[in-house]
């Protein structure tokens, strides 16, 4: 209950909507890990990663797991938007987030 209080003000998603968000982010990170210049991958990570940041922990997820996922997505979005980021860094972080998402969905 205390963990859920940290989600105040965040968007609530039901199970299917949360799954759709994670699936879309998985697809985008999969594209990005193969080609960091893939426009659909970049835009997908930014759109779905930022949305994930503002989403409350859905039913069935541990609050700590969801918070870690939010932080990882935020870090990847920040890395993409930073001018000094290397392609290798973006590819590696995309692959790690993709692997995490694959285990969750």
N, C-alpha and C. Protein backbone atom coordinates (compact mmCIF):
# COMPACT_ATOMS: atom_id res chain seq x y z
N UNK A 1 0.83 -1.20 0.00
CA UNK A 1 0.00 0.00 0.00
C UNK A 1 0.87 1.26 0.00
N UNK A 2 1.94 1.26 0.79
CA UNK A 2 2.83 2.42 0.81
C UNK A 2 3.54 2.60 -0.52
N UNK A 3 3.89 1.49 -1.16
CA UNK A 3 4.56 1.58 -2.47
C UNK A 3 3.64 2.22 -3.50
N UNK A 4 2.35 1.94 -3.42
CA UNK A 4 1.40 2.51 -4.37
C UNK A 4 1.23 4.01 -4.17
N UNK A 5 1.48 4.50 -2.96
CA UNK A 5 1.34 5.95 -2.74
C UNK A 5 2.37 6.73 -3.55
N UNK A 6 3.47 6.10 -3.92
CA UNK A 6 4.47 6.76 -4.76
C UNK A 6 3.96 6.96 -6.19
N UNK A 7 2.89 6.25 -6.55
CA UNK A 7 2.31 6.34 -7.89
C UNK A 7 1.25 7.43 -8.02
N UNK A 8 1.01 8.17 -6.95
CA UNK A 8 -0.02 9.21 -7.01
C UNK A 8 0.30 10.18 -8.14
N UNK A 9 -0.73 10.50 -8.91
CA UNK A 9 -0.58 11.42 -10.03
C UNK A 9 -0.14 10.75 -11.32
N UNK A 10 0.15 9.46 -11.26
CA UNK A 10 0.54 8.72 -12.46
C UNK A 10 -0.69 8.14 -13.14
N UNK A 11 -0.58 7.93 -14.44
CA UNK A 11 -1.66 7.35 -15.24
C UNK A 11 -1.90 5.90 -14.82
N UNK A 12 -3.15 5.53 -14.64
CA UNK A 12 -3.52 4.15 -14.30
C UNK A 12 -3.85 3.40 -15.59
N UNK A 13 -3.25 2.24 -15.78
CA UNK A 13 -3.53 1.40 -16.93
C UNK A 13 -4.06 0.06 -16.45
N UNK A 14 -5.05 -0.48 -17.18
CA UNK A 14 -5.49 -1.83 -16.84
C UNK A 14 -4.51 -2.83 -17.45
N UNK A 15 -4.70 -4.09 -17.21
CA UNK A 15 -3.77 -5.13 -17.64
C UNK A 15 -3.45 -5.12 -19.11
N UNK A 16 -4.48 -5.02 -19.96
CA UNK A 16 -4.25 -5.05 -21.40
C UNK A 16 -3.53 -3.80 -21.88
N UNK A 17 -3.89 -2.65 -21.35
CA UNK A 17 -3.23 -1.41 -21.76
C UNK A 17 -1.77 -1.40 -21.31
N UNK A 18 -1.51 -1.92 -20.13
CA UNK A 18 -0.12 -2.00 -19.65
C UNK A 18 0.68 -2.96 -20.52
N UNK A 19 0.07 -4.08 -20.88
CA UNK A 19 0.73 -5.04 -21.76
C UNK A 19 1.01 -4.44 -23.13
N UNK A 20 0.04 -3.69 -23.66
CA UNK A 20 0.23 -3.03 -24.96
C UNK A 20 1.40 -2.04 -24.90
N UNK A 21 1.48 -1.29 -23.82
CA UNK A 21 2.57 -0.32 -23.65
C UNK A 21 3.92 -1.04 -23.60
N UNK A 22 4.01 -2.09 -22.82
CA UNK A 22 5.26 -2.84 -22.71
C UNK A 22 5.62 -3.50 -24.04
N UNK A 23 4.63 -4.00 -24.75
CA UNK A 23 4.87 -4.63 -26.05
C UNK A 23 5.38 -3.62 -27.07
N UNK A 24 4.78 -2.44 -27.07
CA UNK A 24 5.21 -1.39 -28.00
C UNK A 24 6.63 -0.94 -27.68
N UNK A 25 6.94 -0.82 -26.40
CA UNK A 25 8.30 -0.44 -26.00
C UNK A 25 9.28 -1.55 -26.34
N UNK A 26 8.88 -2.80 -26.18
CA UNK A 26 9.72 -3.93 -26.56
C UNK A 26 10.06 -3.86 -28.05
N UNK A 27 9.05 -3.64 -28.87
CA UNK A 27 9.26 -3.57 -30.32
C UNK A 27 10.23 -2.43 -30.67
N UNK A 28 10.04 -1.29 -30.04
CA UNK A 28 10.90 -0.13 -30.32
C UNK A 28 12.34 -0.39 -29.88
N UNK A 29 12.53 -0.98 -28.71
CA UNK A 29 13.90 -1.26 -28.25
C UNK A 29 14.56 -2.34 -29.09
N UNK A 30 13.77 -3.28 -29.58
CA UNK A 30 14.32 -4.32 -30.46
C UNK A 30 14.83 -3.70 -31.75
N UNK A 31 14.09 -2.76 -32.30
CA UNK A 31 14.53 -2.05 -33.51
C UNK A 31 15.79 -1.23 -33.23
N UNK A 32 15.78 -0.55 -32.10
CA UNK A 32 16.87 0.36 -31.76
C UNK A 32 18.17 -0.39 -31.45
N UNK A 33 18.06 -1.56 -30.86
CA UNK A 33 19.29 -2.31 -30.54
C UNK A 33 19.99 -2.77 -31.81
N UNK A 34 19.23 -2.96 -32.89
CA UNK A 34 19.81 -3.37 -34.17
C UNK A 34 20.32 -2.19 -34.98
N UNK A 35 19.63 -1.05 -34.87
CA UNK A 35 20.01 0.14 -35.64
C UNK A 35 19.61 1.37 -34.85
N UNK A 36 20.59 2.05 -34.26
CA UNK A 36 20.29 3.20 -33.41
C UNK A 36 19.76 4.40 -34.19
N UNK A 37 19.80 4.30 -35.50
CA UNK A 37 19.29 5.39 -36.34
C UNK A 37 17.92 5.05 -36.94
N UNK A 38 17.34 3.94 -36.53
CA UNK A 38 16.01 3.54 -37.00
C UNK A 38 14.99 4.53 -36.45
N UNK A 39 14.37 5.28 -37.33
CA UNK A 39 13.47 6.35 -36.87
C UNK A 39 12.27 5.82 -36.09
N UNK A 40 11.70 4.69 -36.50
CA UNK A 40 10.57 4.12 -35.77
C UNK A 40 11.01 3.65 -34.39
N UNK A 41 12.21 3.13 -34.30
CA UNK A 41 12.74 2.70 -33.02
C UNK A 41 12.97 3.87 -32.08
N UNK A 42 13.59 4.91 -32.60
CA UNK A 42 13.88 6.10 -31.78
C UNK A 42 12.59 6.74 -31.31
N UNK A 43 11.68 6.98 -32.24
CA UNK A 43 10.41 7.62 -31.86
C UNK A 43 9.59 6.74 -30.93
N UNK A 44 9.60 5.44 -31.16
CA UNK A 44 8.87 4.52 -30.31
C UNK A 44 9.40 4.48 -28.89
N UNK A 45 10.73 4.45 -28.76
CA UNK A 45 11.32 4.45 -27.41
C UNK A 45 10.98 5.75 -26.70
N UNK A 46 11.10 6.87 -27.40
CA UNK A 46 10.81 8.14 -26.76
C UNK A 46 9.34 8.25 -26.36
N UNK A 47 8.44 7.85 -27.25
CA UNK A 47 7.01 7.94 -26.95
C UNK A 47 6.60 6.99 -25.83
N UNK A 48 6.92 5.72 -26.00
CA UNK A 48 6.48 4.71 -25.04
C UNK A 48 7.30 4.74 -23.75
N UNK A 49 8.57 5.08 -23.87
CA UNK A 49 9.40 5.20 -22.68
C UNK A 49 8.95 6.34 -21.79
N UNK A 50 8.63 7.48 -22.40
CA UNK A 50 8.14 8.62 -21.61
C UNK A 50 6.77 8.32 -21.02
N UNK A 51 5.94 7.60 -21.77
CA UNK A 51 4.62 7.25 -21.22
C UNK A 51 4.77 6.31 -20.03
N UNK A 52 5.69 5.37 -20.14
CA UNK A 52 5.94 4.44 -19.04
C UNK A 52 6.35 5.19 -17.78
N UNK A 53 7.12 6.24 -17.94
CA UNK A 53 7.57 7.04 -16.80
C UNK A 53 6.40 7.62 -16.02
N UNK A 54 5.31 7.89 -16.70
CA UNK A 54 4.18 8.54 -16.03
C UNK A 54 3.04 7.56 -15.73
N UNK A 55 3.36 6.27 -15.74
CA UNK A 55 2.35 5.24 -15.52
C UNK A 55 2.50 4.62 -14.14
N UNK A 56 1.39 4.49 -13.46
CA UNK A 56 1.38 3.85 -12.13
C UNK A 56 1.65 2.36 -12.26
N UNK A 57 2.11 1.78 -11.20
CA UNK A 57 2.37 0.34 -11.17
C UNK A 57 1.08 -0.43 -11.42
N UNK A 58 1.03 -1.22 -12.50
CA UNK A 58 -0.19 -1.98 -12.77
C UNK A 58 -0.33 -3.17 -11.83
N UNK A 59 -1.55 -3.65 -11.71
CA UNK A 59 -1.82 -4.83 -10.89
C UNK A 59 -0.97 -5.99 -11.41
N UNK A 60 -0.35 -6.72 -10.50
CA UNK A 60 0.45 -7.88 -10.87
C UNK A 60 1.94 -7.61 -10.93
N UNK A 61 2.33 -6.35 -10.83
CA UNK A 61 3.74 -5.98 -10.84
C UNK A 61 4.15 -5.50 -9.46
N UNK A 62 5.35 -5.85 -9.07
CA UNK A 62 5.89 -5.30 -7.82
C UNK A 62 6.26 -3.85 -8.07
N UNK A 63 6.00 -3.01 -7.10
CA UNK A 63 6.27 -1.58 -7.24
C UNK A 63 7.75 -1.33 -7.53
N UNK A 64 8.63 -2.10 -6.91
CA UNK A 64 10.07 -1.92 -7.14
C UNK A 64 10.47 -2.31 -8.56
N UNK A 65 9.85 -3.36 -9.08
CA UNK A 65 10.12 -3.78 -10.46
C UNK A 65 9.67 -2.71 -11.44
N UNK A 66 8.47 -2.18 -11.21
CA UNK A 66 7.93 -1.16 -12.11
C UNK A 66 8.76 0.12 -12.02
N UNK A 67 9.17 0.50 -10.82
CA UNK A 67 10.00 1.70 -10.66
C UNK A 67 11.33 1.54 -11.37
N UNK A 68 11.92 0.38 -11.29
CA UNK A 68 13.17 0.10 -11.98
C UNK A 68 12.99 0.17 -13.49
N UNK A 69 11.88 -0.36 -13.97
CA UNK A 69 11.57 -0.31 -15.40
C UNK A 69 11.38 1.13 -15.86
N UNK A 70 10.67 1.91 -15.04
CA UNK A 70 10.48 3.33 -15.34
C UNK A 70 11.82 4.05 -15.44
N UNK A 71 12.70 3.80 -14.46
CA UNK A 71 14.01 4.44 -14.43
C UNK A 71 14.86 4.05 -15.63
N UNK A 72 14.83 2.78 -15.99
CA UNK A 72 15.61 2.29 -17.13
C UNK A 72 15.12 2.93 -18.43
N UNK A 73 13.81 3.02 -18.60
CA UNK A 73 13.24 3.65 -19.79
C UNK A 73 13.60 5.13 -19.83
N UNK A 74 13.55 5.79 -18.69
CA UNK A 74 13.89 7.21 -18.62
C UNK A 74 15.37 7.43 -18.97
N UNK A 75 16.23 6.56 -18.46
CA UNK A 75 17.66 6.67 -18.77
C UNK A 75 17.92 6.51 -20.26
N UNK A 76 17.23 5.55 -20.89
CA UNK A 76 17.40 5.35 -22.33
C UNK A 76 16.90 6.56 -23.11
N UNK A 77 15.76 7.09 -22.73
CA UNK A 77 15.24 8.29 -23.40
C UNK A 77 16.21 9.45 -23.27
N UNK A 78 16.73 9.65 -22.07
CA UNK A 78 17.70 10.72 -21.85
C UNK A 78 18.96 10.51 -22.68
N UNK A 79 19.40 9.27 -22.80
CA UNK A 79 20.59 8.95 -23.57
C UNK A 79 20.37 9.26 -25.05
N UNK A 80 19.19 8.93 -25.56
CA UNK A 80 18.87 9.20 -26.96
C UNK A 80 18.86 10.70 -27.23
N UNK A 81 18.34 11.46 -26.28
CA UNK A 81 18.22 12.91 -26.46
C UNK A 81 19.53 13.66 -26.21
N UNK A 82 20.49 13.01 -25.57
CA UNK A 82 21.78 13.66 -25.28
C UNK A 82 22.64 13.69 -26.55
N UNK A 83 23.29 14.80 -26.75
CA UNK A 83 24.11 14.95 -27.95
C UNK A 83 25.39 14.13 -27.91
N UNK A 84 25.93 13.90 -26.73
CA UNK A 84 27.21 13.23 -26.62
C UNK A 84 27.12 11.71 -26.49
N UNK A 85 25.94 11.13 -26.66
CA UNK A 85 25.77 9.69 -26.52
C UNK A 85 26.35 8.96 -27.73
N UNK A 86 26.97 7.83 -27.46
CA UNK A 86 27.52 7.03 -28.55
C UNK A 86 26.48 6.02 -29.04
N UNK A 87 26.61 5.61 -30.28
CA UNK A 87 25.71 4.61 -30.85
C UNK A 87 25.79 3.31 -30.07
N UNK A 88 26.99 2.94 -29.65
CA UNK A 88 27.18 1.70 -28.90
C UNK A 88 26.44 1.74 -27.56
N UNK A 89 26.51 2.88 -26.89
CA UNK A 89 25.81 3.05 -25.62
C UNK A 89 24.30 2.88 -25.78
N UNK A 90 23.76 3.52 -26.80
CA UNK A 90 22.32 3.45 -27.06
C UNK A 90 21.92 2.03 -27.42
N UNK A 91 22.71 1.38 -28.25
CA UNK A 91 22.42 0.01 -28.65
C UNK A 91 22.46 -0.93 -27.44
N UNK A 92 23.47 -0.79 -26.60
CA UNK A 92 23.59 -1.65 -25.41
C UNK A 92 22.43 -1.45 -24.45
N UNK A 93 22.08 -0.21 -24.18
CA UNK A 93 20.97 0.06 -23.25
C UNK A 93 19.64 -0.42 -23.82
N UNK A 94 19.48 -0.27 -25.14
CA UNK A 94 18.26 -0.75 -25.79
C UNK A 94 18.15 -2.26 -25.66
N UNK A 95 19.25 -2.94 -25.86
CA UNK A 95 19.26 -4.41 -25.76
C UNK A 95 18.93 -4.84 -24.34
N UNK A 96 19.48 -4.17 -23.35
CA UNK A 96 19.21 -4.54 -21.95
C UNK A 96 17.74 -4.32 -21.59
N UNK A 97 17.19 -3.18 -22.03
CA UNK A 97 15.77 -2.92 -21.74
C UNK A 97 14.89 -3.92 -22.49
N UNK A 98 15.24 -4.21 -23.73
CA UNK A 98 14.50 -5.19 -24.51
C UNK A 98 14.49 -6.55 -23.81
N UNK A 99 15.65 -6.98 -23.32
CA UNK A 99 15.74 -8.28 -22.64
C UNK A 99 14.88 -8.30 -21.36
N UNK A 100 14.89 -7.20 -20.64
CA UNK A 100 14.05 -7.10 -19.44
C UNK A 100 12.57 -7.18 -19.80
N UNK A 101 12.18 -6.44 -20.83
CA UNK A 101 10.79 -6.45 -21.27
C UNK A 101 10.37 -7.83 -21.76
N UNK A 102 11.28 -8.52 -22.42
CA UNK A 102 10.96 -9.86 -22.93
C UNK A 102 10.60 -10.80 -21.79
N UNK A 103 11.29 -10.68 -20.67
CA UNK A 103 10.99 -11.53 -19.52
C UNK A 103 9.64 -11.15 -18.88
N UNK A 104 9.24 -9.89 -19.01
CA UNK A 104 8.00 -9.44 -18.36
C UNK A 104 6.75 -9.71 -19.19
N UNK A 105 6.90 -9.70 -20.50
CA UNK A 105 5.72 -9.89 -21.35
C UNK A 105 5.83 -11.21 -22.03
